[in-house]
Amino acid sequence: MIDTHTHLYDEAFDEDFNEVLAGALAAGVKQFILPGIDSSVFERMDRCKQLLGSMGHIAWGLHPTSVNQSWEEELQLVNDRISDKMPIAIGEIGLDCYWSKEFLNEQKEAFIRQMKLAHKLSLPVIIHIRDAHDILFECMEILKKENSLPAGVFHAFSGSIETYHRIKQYGDYKVGIGGVITYKKASIASTLADIPLEDILLETDSPWLTPTPHRGKRNEPSYLIYIAEKIAEIKKCPVTSVQQITTQNAKKLFNLI
């Protein structure tokens, strides 16, 4: 399996990184994609990549919740890092109205600029959307008219089947499914029944969004198996099918060996 979204560089793993990695490998997780947030995590991500070696893959991006009054300077730092150390993707980028709408216009501009850059570099994007789907589609229309839509994945997808179909109108986008799928009241479980496995990627978003039965504790990549098992239950197929198909999806999207 490939954990397509993990923050293994987070300080939550400082004290037992080797044990966490060993647990992930024992659970069948063989590759890890590390999404960026802003320049504050550059050094931590570099160190984590060194520890992971060929198993680790970096994405650079400016997260919407890191967009503030100095967003242009921050975006330039991200762009400089992309130029210096080519990533496998641009991300995580997007729009977030959950915490604040103060810099919403700046979020939109940062998102559009990063989408255009990804298209120019022929890189996929890792997209974070929270309480902002209407604004997302405004931006997607702008990008569509300019022929600047890259491929990508919608991280931590929790939308309706209608939202999924609307997203697909803009390209061959995948949806990242994580621990929320295991929660009893999660609506994504019913939506997922109508989303083909060929459009699904596995992710943990560790150390956050821990799946049942470990909810309330720190999340880690080894828990990816619980997500795969829940998807297999919903799809009424062997868990090995989920593992194989989602792994191939990730390899194709991120151009992995």
C-alpha atoms as a PDB file:
ATOM      1  CA  MET A   1       0.000   0.000   0.000  1.00  0.00           C
ATOM      2  CA  ILE A   2       0.954   3.638  -0.434  1.00  0.00           C
ATOM      3  CA  ASP A   3       0.019   6.230   2.177  1.00  0.00           C
ATOM      4  CA  THR A   4      -0.635   9.105  -0.217  1.00  0.00           C
ATOM      5  CA  HIS A   5      -0.951  11.723   2.521  1.00  0.00           C
ATOM      6  CA  THR A   6       1.018  11.549   5.753  1.00  0.00           C
ATOM      7  CA  HIS A   7       2.756  14.209   7.831  1.00  0.00           C
ATOM      8  CA  LEU A   8       5.400  11.827   9.179  1.00  0.00           C
ATOM      9  CA  TYR A   9       7.682  14.835   9.556  1.00  0.00           C
ATOM     10  CA  ASP A  10       5.396  16.242  12.274  1.00  0.00           C
ATOM     11  CA  GLU A  11       6.808  16.580  15.793  1.00  0.00           C
ATOM     12  CA  ALA A  12       4.255  13.990  16.933  1.00  0.00           C
ATOM     13  CA  PHE A  13       6.654  11.350  15.565  1.00  0.00           C
ATOM     14  CA  ASP A  14       9.914  12.773  16.899  1.00  0.00           C
ATOM     15  CA  GLU A  15      10.305  10.322  19.779  1.00  0.00           C
ATOM     16  CA  ASP A  16       9.426   7.052  18.027  1.00  0.00           C
ATOM     17  CA  PHE A  17       9.844   7.619  14.285  1.00  0.00           C
ATOM     18  CA  ASN A  18      11.740   4.360  13.716  1.00  0.00           C
ATOM     19  CA  GLU A  19       9.107   2.328  15.537  1.00  0.00           C
ATOM     20  CA  VAL A  20       6.305   3.992  13.585  1.00  0.00           C
ATOM     21  CA  LEU A  21       8.091   3.307  10.306  1.00  0.00           C
ATOM     22  CA  ALA A  22       8.708  -0.324  11.238  1.00  0.00           C
ATOM     23  CA  GLY A  23       5.030  -0.715  12.105  1.00  0.00           C
ATOM     24  CA  ALA A  24       3.984   0.764   8.779  1.00  0.00           C
ATOM     25  CA  LEU A  25       6.265  -1.546   6.815  1.00  0.00           C
ATOM     26  CA  ALA A  26       4.994  -4.556   8.765  1.00  0.00           C
ATOM     27  CA  ALA A  27       1.418  -3.507   7.907  1.00  0.00           C
ATOM     28  CA  GLY A  28       2.242  -3.434   4.211  1.00  0.00           C
ATOM     29  CA  VAL A  29       2.726   0.307   3.693  1.00  0.00           C
ATOM     30  CA  LYS A  30       5.764   0.580   1.423  1.00  0.00           C
ATOM     31  CA  GLN A  31       5.707   4.201   0.208  1.00  0.00           C
ATOM     32  CA  PHE A  32       4.833   7.530   1.822  1.00  0.00           C
ATOM     33  CA  ILE A  33       3.869  10.858   0.264  1.00  0.00           C
ATOM     34  CA  LEU A  34       4.685  13.869   2.443  1.00  0.00           C
ATOM     35  CA  PRO A  35       2.552  16.935   1.589  1.00  0.00           C
ATOM     36  CA  GLY A  36       3.872  20.394   2.379  1.00  0.00           C
ATOM     37  CA  ILE A  37       2.133  23.125   4.365  1.00  0.00           C
ATOM     38  CA  ASP A  38       4.427  26.166   4.208  1.00  0.00           C
ATOM     39  CA  SER A  39       8.097  27.087   4.557  1.00  0.00           C
ATOM     40  CA  SER A  40       8.097  26.408   8.311  1.00  0.00           C
ATOM     41  CA  VAL A  41       8.217  22.640   7.666  1.00  0.00           C
ATOM     42  CA  PHE A  42      10.828  22.574   4.881  1.00  0.00           C
ATOM     43  CA  GLU A  43      13.681  21.387   7.080  1.00  0.00           C
ATOM     44  CA  ARG A  44      11.579  18.794   8.893  1.00  0.00           C
ATOM     45  CA  MET A  45      10.361  17.422   5.560  1.00  0.00           C
ATOM     46  CA  ASP A  46      13.920  17.208   4.239  1.00  0.00           C
ATOM     47  CA  ARG A  47      15.042  15.275   7.320  1.00  0.00           C
ATOM     48  CA  CYS A  48      12.076  12.929   7.073  1.00  0.00           C
ATOM     49  CA  LYS A  49      12.774  12.284   3.407  1.00  0.00           C
ATOM     50  CA  GLN A  50      16.378  11.385   4.252  1.00  0.00           C
ATOM     51  CA  LEU A  51      15.162   8.870   6.829  1.00  0.00           C
ATOM     52  CA  LEU A  52      12.658   7.337   4.428  1.00  0.00           C
ATOM     53  CA  GLY A  53      15.023   7.203   1.475  1.00  0.00           C
ATOM     54  CA  SER A  54      13.404   5.933  -1.715  1.00  0.00           C
ATOM     55  CA  MET A  55      10.204   5.131   0.215  1.00  0.00           C
ATOM     56  CA  GLY A  56       9.481   8.826   0.805  1.00  0.00           C
ATOM     57  CA  HIS A  57       8.163  11.337  -1.717  1.00  0.00           C
ATOM     58  CA  ILE A  58       7.776  15.072  -1.156  1.00  0.00           C
ATOM     59  CA  ALA A  59       5.151  17.546  -2.327  1.00  0.00           C
ATOM     60  CA  TRP A  60       5.683  21.286  -1.846  1.00  0.00           C
ATOM     61  CA  GLY A  61       2.782  23.691  -1.486  1.00  0.00           C
ATOM     62  CA  LEU A  62       1.174  26.529   0.447  1.00  0.00           C
ATOM     63  CA  HIS A  63      -1.736  25.242   2.527  1.00  0.00           C
ATOM     64  CA  PRO A  64      -4.813  27.518   2.560  1.00  0.00           C
ATOM     65  CA  THR A  65      -4.708  27.933   6.344  1.00  0.00           C
ATOM     66  CA  SER A  66      -1.159  29.267   5.981  1.00  0.00           C
ATOM     67  CA  VAL A  67      -2.340  32.057   3.688  1.00  0.00           C
ATOM     68  CA  ASN A  68      -2.170  35.377   5.579  1.00  0.00           C
ATOM     69  CA  GLN A  69      -1.027  38.977   5.075  1.00  0.00           C
ATOM     70  CA  SER A  70       2.418  37.787   3.924  1.00  0.00           C
ATOM     71  CA  TRP A  71       1.109  35.078   1.620  1.00  0.00           C
ATOM     72  CA  GLU A  72       2.931  36.290  -1.497  1.00  0.00           C
ATOM     73  CA  GLU A  73       6.315  36.132   0.224  1.00  0.00           C
ATOM     74  CA  GLU A  74       5.456  32.684   1.555  1.00  0.00           C
ATOM     75  CA  LEU A  75       4.317  31.485  -1.855  1.00  0.00           C
ATOM     76  CA  GLN A  76       7.592  32.686  -3.339  1.00  0.00           C
ATOM     77  CA  LEU A  77       9.501  30.608  -0.778  1.00  0.00           C
ATOM     78  CA  VAL A  78       7.460  27.573  -1.809  1.00  0.00           C
ATOM     79  CA  ASN A  79       8.075  28.277  -5.488  1.00  0.00           C
ATOM     80  CA  ASP A  80      11.808  28.651  -4.838  1.00  0.00           C
ATOM     81  CA  ARG A  81      11.800  25.282  -3.088  1.00  0.00           C
ATOM     82  CA  ILE A  82       9.972  23.704  -6.040  1.00  0.00           C
ATOM     83  CA  SER A  83      12.604  25.098  -8.404  1.00  0.00           C
ATOM     84  CA  ASP A  84      15.421  23.843  -6.180  1.00  0.00           C
ATOM     85  CA  LYS A  85      14.027  20.405  -5.306  1.00  0.00           C
ATOM     86  CA  MET A  86      11.452  19.168  -7.806  1.00  0.00           C
ATOM     87  CA  PRO A  87       8.593  17.440  -5.947  1.00  0.00           C
ATOM     88  CA  ILE A  88       6.328  14.637  -7.150  1.00  0.00           C
ATOM     89  CA  ALA A  89       3.301  16.929  -6.669  1.00  0.00           C
ATOM     90  CA  ILE A  90       2.210  20.443  -5.709  1.00  0.00           C
ATOM     91  CA  GLY A  91       0.382  20.378  -2.406  1.00  0.00           C
ATOM     92  CA  GLU A  92      -1.271  20.499  -0.271  1.00  0.00           C
ATOM     93  CA  ILE A  93      -3.068  23.487  -1.724  1.00  0.00           C
ATOM     94  CA  GLY A  94      -6.683  24.560  -1.740  1.00  0.00           C
ATOM     95  CA  LEU A  95      -9.394  26.519   0.032  1.00  0.00           C
ATOM     96  CA  ASP A  96     -10.497  26.459   3.669  1.00  0.00           C
ATOM     97  CA  CYS A  97     -13.407  28.484   5.049  1.00  0.00           C
ATOM     98  CA  TYR A  98     -13.759  26.414   8.215  1.00  0.00           C
ATOM     99  CA  TRP A  99     -11.282  28.299  10.378  1.00  0.00           C
ATOM    100  CA  SER A 100     -11.503  31.767   8.834  1.00  0.00           C
ATOM    101  CA  LYS A 101     -12.635  33.677   5.752  1.00  0.00           C
ATOM    102  CA  GLU A 102     -10.400  36.668   6.468  1.00  0.00           C
ATOM    103  CA  PHE A 103      -7.970  35.898   3.643  1.00  0.00           C
ATOM    104  CA  LEU A 104     -10.374  34.108   1.316  1.00  0.00           C
ATOM    105  CA  ASN A 105      -9.526  36.215  -1.732  1.00  0.00           C
ATOM    106  CA  GLU A 106      -5.839  35.598  -1.083  1.00  0.00           C
ATOM    107  CA  GLN A 107      -6.551  31.860  -0.712  1.00  0.00           C
ATOM    108  CA  LYS A 108      -8.242  31.863  -4.113  1.00  0.00           C
ATOM    109  CA  GLU A 109      -5.308  33.631  -5.761  1.00  0.00           C
ATOM    110  CA  ALA A 110      -2.750  31.343  -4.114  1.00  0.00           C
ATOM    111  CA  PHE A 111      -4.750  28.282  -5.174  1.00  0.00           C
ATOM    112  CA  ILE A 112      -5.103  29.403  -8.784  1.00  0.00           C
ATOM    113  CA  ARG A 113      -1.414  30.310  -9.056  1.00  0.00           C
ATOM    114  CA  GLN A 114      -0.323  26.939  -7.683  1.00  0.00           C
ATOM    115  CA  MET A 115      -2.731  25.051  -9.941  1.00  0.00           C
ATOM    116  CA  LYS A 116      -1.289  26.885 -12.946  1.00  0.00           C
ATOM    117  CA  LEU A 117       2.252  26.103 -11.832  1.00  0.00           C
ATOM    118  CA  ALA A 118       1.416  22.407 -11.467  1.00  0.00           C
ATOM    119  CA  HIS A 119      -0.074  22.382 -14.957  1.00  0.00           C
ATOM    120  CA  LYS A 120       2.999  24.120 -16.352  1.00  0.00           C
ATOM    121  CA  LEU A 121       5.322  21.590 -14.687  1.00  0.00           C
ATOM    122  CA  SER A 122       3.093  18.604 -15.574  1.00  0.00           C
ATOM    123  CA  LEU A 123       2.785  17.732 -11.883  1.00  0.00           C
ATOM    124  CA  PRO A 124      -0.335  16.515 -10.067  1.00  0.00           C
ATOM    125  CA  VAL A 125      -1.878  18.480  -7.211  1.00  0.00           C
ATOM    126  CA  ILE A 126      -2.979  17.496  -3.713  1.00  0.00           C
ATOM    127  CA  ILE A 127      -6.080  19.567  -2.994  1.00  0.00           C
ATOM    128  CA  HIS A 128      -7.471  20.464   0.439  1.00  0.00           C
ATOM    129  CA  ILE A 129     -11.069  21.737   0.436  1.00  0.00           C
ATOM    130  CA  ARG A 130     -13.045  22.485   3.584  1.00  0.00           C
ATOM    131  CA  ASP A 131     -16.392  24.315   3.576  1.00  0.00           C
ATOM    132  CA  ALA A 132     -15.458  25.912   0.264  1.00  0.00           C
ATOM    133  CA  HIS A 133     -16.804  23.801  -2.605  1.00  0.00           C
ATOM    134  CA  ASP A 134     -18.712  26.651  -4.266  1.00  0.00           C
ATOM    135  CA  ILE A 135     -15.549  28.759  -4.343  1.00  0.00           C
ATOM    136  CA  LEU A 136     -13.597  25.746  -5.576  1.00  0.00           C
ATOM    137  CA  PHE A 137     -15.778  25.428  -8.641  1.00  0.00           C
ATOM    138  CA  GLU A 138     -15.446  29.160  -9.355  1.00  0.00           C
ATOM    139  CA  CYS A 139     -11.686  28.681  -9.435  1.00  0.00           C
ATOM    140  CA  MET A 140     -11.939  25.506 -11.496  1.00  0.00           C
ATOM    141  CA  GLU A 141     -13.983  27.372 -14.116  1.00  0.00           C
ATOM    142  CA  ILE A 142     -11.289  30.037 -14.365  1.00  0.00           C
ATOM    143  CA  LEU A 143      -8.609  27.387 -14.772  1.00  0.00           C
ATOM    144  CA  LYS A 144     -10.673  25.456 -17.298  1.00  0.00           C
ATOM    145  CA  LYS A 145     -11.107  28.535 -19.497  1.00  0.00           C
ATOM    146  CA  GLU A 146      -7.347  29.075 -19.410  1.00  0.00           C
ATOM    147  CA  ASN A 147      -6.637  25.407 -20.100  1.00  0.00           C
ATOM    148  CA  SER A 148      -4.608  25.217 -16.877  1.00  0.00           C
ATOM    149  CA  LEU A 149      -6.122  22.261 -15.034  1.00  0.00           C
ATOM    150  CA  PRO A 150      -3.581  19.718 -13.728  1.00  0.00           C
ATOM    151  CA  ALA A 151      -4.366  16.169 -12.634  1.00  0.00           C
ATOM    152  CA  GLY A 152      -4.703  15.533  -8.911  1.00  0.00           C
ATOM    153  CA  VAL A 153      -6.394  14.169  -5.824  1.00  0.00           C
ATOM    154  CA  PHE A 154      -8.955  15.684  -3.508  1.00  0.00           C
ATOM    155  CA  HIS A 155      -7.463  14.931  -0.111  1.00  0.00           C
ATOM    156  CA  ALA A 156      -9.780  13.810   2.722  1.00  0.00           C
ATOM    157  CA  PHE A 157     -12.753  13.780   0.383  1.00  0.00           C
ATOM    158  CA  SER A 158     -16.047  14.057   2.254  1.00  0.00           C
ATOM    159  CA  GLY A 159     -18.380  15.429  -0.413  1.00  0.00           C
ATOM    160  CA  SER A 160     -21.592  14.036  -1.856  1.00  0.00           C
ATOM    161  CA  ILE A 161     -21.784  11.869  -4.949  1.00  0.00           C
ATOM    162  CA  GLU A 162     -22.997  14.980  -6.778  1.00  0.00           C
ATOM    163  CA  THR A 163     -19.830  16.819  -5.740  1.00  0.00           C
ATOM    164  CA  TYR A 164     -17.739  13.881  -6.932  1.00  0.00           C
ATOM    165  CA  HIS A 165     -19.411  13.896 -10.352  1.00  0.00           C
ATOM    166  CA  ARG A 166     -18.954  17.654 -10.626  1.00  0.00           C
ATOM    167  CA  ILE A 167     -15.257  17.346  -9.805  1.00  0.00           C
ATOM    168  CA  LYS A 168     -14.877  14.705 -12.503  1.00  0.00           C
ATOM    169  CA  GLN A 169     -16.127  17.198 -15.087  1.00  0.00           C
ATOM    170  CA  TYR A 170     -12.810  19.030 -14.687  1.00  0.00           C
ATOM    171  CA  GLY A 171     -10.545  16.051 -15.240  1.00  0.00           C
ATOM    172  CA  ASP A 172      -9.541  12.601 -14.075  1.00  0.00           C
ATOM    173  CA  TYR A 173      -9.384  13.536 -10.404  1.00  0.00           C
ATOM    174  CA  LYS A 174      -8.983  10.993  -7.620  1.00  0.00           C
ATOM    175  CA  VAL A 175     -10.386  11.159  -4.093  1.00  0.00           C
ATOM    176  CA  GLY A 176      -8.257  10.524  -1.022  1.00  0.00           C
ATOM    177  CA  ILE A 177     -10.012   8.364   1.572  1.00  0.00           C
ATOM    178  CA  GLY A 178      -8.779   8.256   5.152  1.00  0.00           C
ATOM    179  CA  GLY A 179      -9.833   7.419   8.681  1.00  0.00           C
ATOM    180  CA  VAL A 180     -13.158   9.285   8.523  1.00  0.00           C
ATOM    181  CA  ILE A 181     -14.530   6.413   6.420  1.00  0.00           C
ATOM    182  CA  THR A 182     -14.459   4.241   9.570  1.00  0.00           C
ATOM    183  CA  TYR A 183     -16.552   6.636  11.680  1.00  0.00           C
ATOM    184  CA  LYS A 184     -20.122   5.503  12.361  1.00  0.00           C
ATOM    185  CA  LYS A 185     -21.862   8.712  11.273  1.00  0.00           C
ATOM    186  CA  ALA A 186     -19.608   9.558   8.315  1.00  0.00           C
ATOM    187  CA  SER A 187     -21.688  10.255   5.203  1.00  0.00           C
ATOM    188  CA  ILE A 188     -18.724   9.501   2.956  1.00  0.00           C
ATOM    189  CA  ALA A 189     -19.367   5.771   3.492  1.00  0.00           C
ATOM    190  CA  SER A 190     -22.600   5.885   1.483  1.00  0.00           C
ATOM    191  CA  THR A 191     -21.029   8.133  -1.146  1.00  0.00           C
ATOM    192  CA  LEU A 192     -18.063   5.811  -1.568  1.00  0.00           C
ATOM    193  CA  ALA A 193     -20.350   2.967  -2.614  1.00  0.00           C
ATOM    194  CA  ASP A 194     -20.878   4.790  -5.918  1.00  0.00           C
ATOM    195  CA  ILE A 195     -17.244   5.855  -6.503  1.00  0.00           C
ATOM    196  CA  PRO A 196     -15.197   3.314  -8.481  1.00  0.00           C
ATOM    197  CA  LEU A 197     -12.053   1.911  -6.903  1.00  0.00           C
ATOM    198  CA  GLU A 198     -10.102   3.284  -9.851  1.00  0.00           C
ATOM    199  CA  ASP A 199     -10.748   6.799  -8.495  1.00  0.00           C
ATOM    200  CA  ILE A 200      -9.705   6.119  -4.889  1.00  0.00           C
ATOM    201  CA  LEU A 201      -6.397   6.660  -3.097  1.00  0.00           C
ATOM    202  CA  LEU A 202      -5.603   5.533   0.442  1.00  0.00           C
ATOM    203  CA  GLU A 203      -4.304   8.086   2.944  1.00  0.00           C
ATOM    204  CA  THR A 204      -4.006   8.550   6.701  1.00  0.00           C
ATOM    205  CA  ASP A 205      -3.293  12.287   7.118  1.00  0.00           C
ATOM    206  CA  SER A 206      -1.349  11.084  10.152  1.00  0.00           C
ATOM    207  CA  PRO A 207      -0.966  12.184  12.901  1.00  0.00           C
ATOM    208  CA  TRP A 208      -4.593  13.349  12.469  1.00  0.00           C
ATOM    209  CA  LEU A 209      -7.943  11.752  11.533  1.00  0.00           C
ATOM    210  CA  THR A 210      -7.217   8.455  13.245  1.00  0.00           C
ATOM    211  CA  PRO A 211      -9.476   5.582  12.133  1.00  0.00           C
ATOM    212  CA  THR A 212     -11.528   3.349  14.362  1.00  0.00           C
ATOM    213  CA  PRO A 213     -10.496   1.373  16.466  1.00  0.00           C
ATOM    214  CA  HIS A 214      -7.743   3.837  17.469  1.00  0.00           C
ATOM    215  CA  ARG A 215      -9.796   7.029  17.214  1.00  0.00           C
ATOM    216  CA  GLY A 216      -8.740   9.569  19.828  1.00  0.00           C
ATOM    217  CA  LYS A 217      -5.085   8.545  19.617  1.00  0.00           C
ATOM    218  CA  ARG A 218      -2.284   9.649  17.298  1.00  0.00           C
ATOM    219  CA  ASN A 219      -2.755   8.406  13.758  1.00  0.00           C
ATOM    220  CA  GLU A 220       0.062   6.649  11.913  1.00  0.00           C
ATOM    221  CA  PRO A 221       0.605   5.029   8.499  1.00  0.00           C
ATOM    222  CA  SER A 222       0.238   1.467   9.805  1.00  0.00           C
ATOM    223  CA  TYR A 223      -3.451   2.225  10.337  1.00  0.00           C
ATOM    224  CA  LEU A 224      -3.933   2.436   6.567  1.00  0.00           C
ATOM    225  CA  ILE A 225      -5.060  -1.197   6.696  1.00  0.00           C
ATOM    226  CA  TYR A 226      -8.203  -0.245   8.636  1.00  0.00           C
ATOM    227  CA  ILE A 227      -9.147   2.169   5.869  1.00  0.00           C
ATOM    228  CA  ALA A 228      -8.533  -0.455   3.182  1.00  0.00           C
ATOM    229  CA  GLU A 229     -10.618  -2.976   5.110  1.00  0.00           C
ATOM    230  CA  LYS A 230     -13.528  -0.557   5.485  1.00  0.00           C
ATOM    231  CA  ILE A 231     -13.481   0.266   1.774  1.00  0.00           C
ATOM    232  CA  ALA A 232     -13.451  -3.465   0.985  1.00  0.00           C
ATOM    233  CA  GLU A 233     -16.483  -3.903   3.250  1.00  0.00           C
ATOM    234  CA  ILE A 234     -18.352  -1.102   1.488  1.00  0.00           C
ATOM    235  CA  LYS A 235     -17.349  -2.361  -1.955  1.00  0.00           C
ATOM    236  CA  LYS A 236     -18.017  -6.001  -1.057  1.00  0.00           C
ATOM    237  CA  CYS A 237     -14.668  -7.057  -2.485  1.00  0.00           C
ATOM    238  CA  PRO A 238     -11.444  -8.588  -1.124  1.00  0.00           C
ATOM    239  CA  VAL A 239      -9.188  -6.192   0.752  1.00  0.00           C
ATOM    240  CA  THR A 240      -6.373  -7.308  -1.548  1.00  0.00           C
ATOM    241  CA  SER A 241      -8.286  -5.792  -4.471  1.00  0.00           C
ATOM    242  CA  VAL A 242      -8.511  -2.476  -2.645  1.00  0.00           C
ATOM    243  CA  GLN A 243      -4.809  -2.577  -1.857  1.00  0.00           C
ATOM    244  CA  GLN A 244      -3.744  -3.458  -5.393  1.00  0.00           C
ATOM    245  CA  ILE A 245      -6.014  -1.052  -7.273  1.00  0.00           C
ATOM    246  CA  THR A 246      -5.427   1.962  -5.018  1.00  0.00           C
ATOM    247  CA  THR A 247      -1.677   1.343  -5.154  1.00  0.00           C
ATOM    248  CA  GLN A 248      -1.754   1.331  -8.948  1.00  0.00           C
ATOM    249  CA  ASN A 249      -3.872   4.503  -8.885  1.00  0.00           C
ATOM    250  CA  ALA A 250      -1.260   6.252  -6.741  1.00  0.00           C
ATOM    251  CA  LYS A 251       1.656   5.047  -8.862  1.00  0.00           C
ATOM    252  CA  LYS A 252      -0.002   6.316 -12.024  1.00  0.00           C
ATOM    253  CA  LEU A 253      -1.036   9.710 -10.616  1.00  0.00           C
ATOM    254  CA  PHE A 254       2.274  10.475  -8.915  1.00  0.00           C
ATOM    255  CA  ASN A 255       4.461   8.736 -11.502  1.00  0.00           C
ATOM    256  CA  LEU A 256       5.925   6.310  -8.970  1.00  0.00           C
ATOM    257  CA  ILE A 257       7.795   3.096  -9.701  1.00  0.00           C
END
